[in-house]
């Protein structure tokens, strides 16, 4: 029982993922991305990106800070700003 209590109290790391969503054929809409933070089991999803944003160079900066570049699909010039979020 003590082992179960110890395992239950261990905090598992969060996972950052960029998911790309596609529309079914023959829909001509463009696919889109979303940046999420989820827990280790895939639950407790937290959406970080906004519609139209492309999140690139996603990396953890420490144990609870996520850093990534944001670019706007409407602006082909590239990244317009940096953004960071705490997990």
Protein backbone atom coordinates (compact mmCIF):
# COMPACT_ATOMS: atom_id res chain seq x y z
CA UNK A 1 0.00 0.00 0.00
CA UNK A 2 2.88 2.36 0.71
CA UNK A 3 4.16 1.87 -2.85
CA UNK A 4 0.75 2.83 -4.24
CA UNK A 5 0.73 6.00 -2.16
CA UNK A 6 4.18 6.97 -3.39
CA UNK A 7 3.30 6.38 -7.04
CA UNK A 8 0.05 8.33 -6.63
CA UNK A 9 1.88 11.36 -5.28
CA UNK A 10 4.50 11.55 -8.05
CA UNK A 11 3.82 14.40 -10.46
CA UNK A 12 4.13 13.24 -14.04
CA UNK A 13 5.48 15.70 -16.61
CA UNK A 14 3.33 17.65 -19.04
CA UNK A 15 3.63 17.09 -22.77
CA UNK A 16 3.55 19.85 -25.38
CA UNK A 17 2.24 18.84 -28.79
CA UNK A 18 1.38 20.51 -32.05
CA UNK A 19 -1.60 18.83 -33.69
CA UNK A 20 -2.49 19.37 -37.35
CA UNK A 21 -6.15 18.96 -38.29
CA UNK A 22 -7.32 18.12 -41.81
CA UNK A 23 -10.77 18.47 -43.34
CA UNK A 24 -12.20 15.37 -45.05
CA UNK A 25 -12.02 15.00 -48.82
CA UNK A 26 -13.38 16.72 -50.99
CA UNK A 27 -13.42 19.73 -48.64
CA UNK A 28 -10.96 22.32 -50.00
CA UNK A 29 -10.34 24.18 -46.73
CA UNK A 30 -6.74 24.43 -45.58
CA UNK A 31 -5.58 22.31 -42.67
CA UNK A 32 -4.70 24.07 -39.42
CA UNK A 33 -2.49 23.59 -36.37
CA UNK A 34 -3.13 23.84 -32.65
CA UNK A 35 -0.60 23.85 -29.81
CA UNK A 36 -1.67 21.97 -26.66
CA UNK A 37 -0.25 21.13 -23.27
CA UNK A 38 -1.56 17.82 -21.94
CA UNK A 39 -0.74 15.65 -18.97
CA UNK A 40 1.17 12.40 -19.38
CA UNK A 41 -1.99 10.36 -20.00
CA UNK A 42 -3.24 12.77 -22.69
CA UNK A 43 -5.96 14.28 -20.53
CA UNK A 44 -6.40 17.80 -19.20
CA UNK A 45 -5.81 19.41 -22.58
CA UNK A 46 -5.00 23.10 -22.53
CA UNK A 47 -5.09 24.96 -25.85
CA UNK A 48 -2.38 27.63 -26.21
CA UNK A 49 -2.53 28.76 -29.85
CA UNK A 50 -5.09 31.04 -31.44
CA UNK A 51 -6.87 30.44 -34.78
CA UNK A 52 -4.60 31.21 -37.73
CA UNK A 53 -1.36 30.88 -35.77
CA UNK A 54 1.39 28.48 -36.75
CA UNK A 55 3.52 27.50 -33.74
CA UNK A 56 7.07 26.49 -34.52
CA UNK A 57 10.26 25.76 -32.58
CA UNK A 58 8.34 24.49 -29.55
CA UNK A 59 10.62 23.70 -26.59
CA UNK A 60 10.59 23.56 -22.82
CA UNK A 61 12.63 26.20 -21.00
CA UNK A 62 12.89 24.67 -17.56
CA UNK A 63 10.35 22.38 -15.95
CA UNK A 64 7.26 24.57 -16.26
CA UNK A 65 7.84 27.12 -19.03
CA UNK A 66 7.12 26.54 -22.71
CA UNK A 67 8.65 28.76 -25.42
CA UNK A 68 7.62 28.83 -29.07
CA UNK A 69 7.54 31.03 -32.17
CA UNK A 70 4.24 32.20 -33.54
CA UNK A 71 3.65 33.09 -37.17
CA UNK A 72 0.45 34.21 -38.82
CA UNK A 73 -0.70 32.37 -41.96
CA UNK A 74 -2.04 35.64 -43.33
CA UNK A 75 1.42 37.22 -43.09
CA UNK A 76 3.81 35.35 -45.42
CA UNK A 77 6.68 37.51 -44.13
CA UNK A 78 7.30 35.10 -41.27
CA UNK A 79 7.11 35.22 -37.52
CA UNK A 80 5.52 38.32 -36.12
CA UNK A 81 6.20 37.75 -32.44
CA UNK A 82 7.54 35.42 -29.79
CA UNK A 83 5.36 33.96 -27.12
CA UNK A 84 5.85 32.01 -23.95
CA UNK A 85 3.41 30.34 -21.60
CA UNK A 86 3.73 28.72 -18.23
CA UNK A 87 2.52 25.15 -17.99
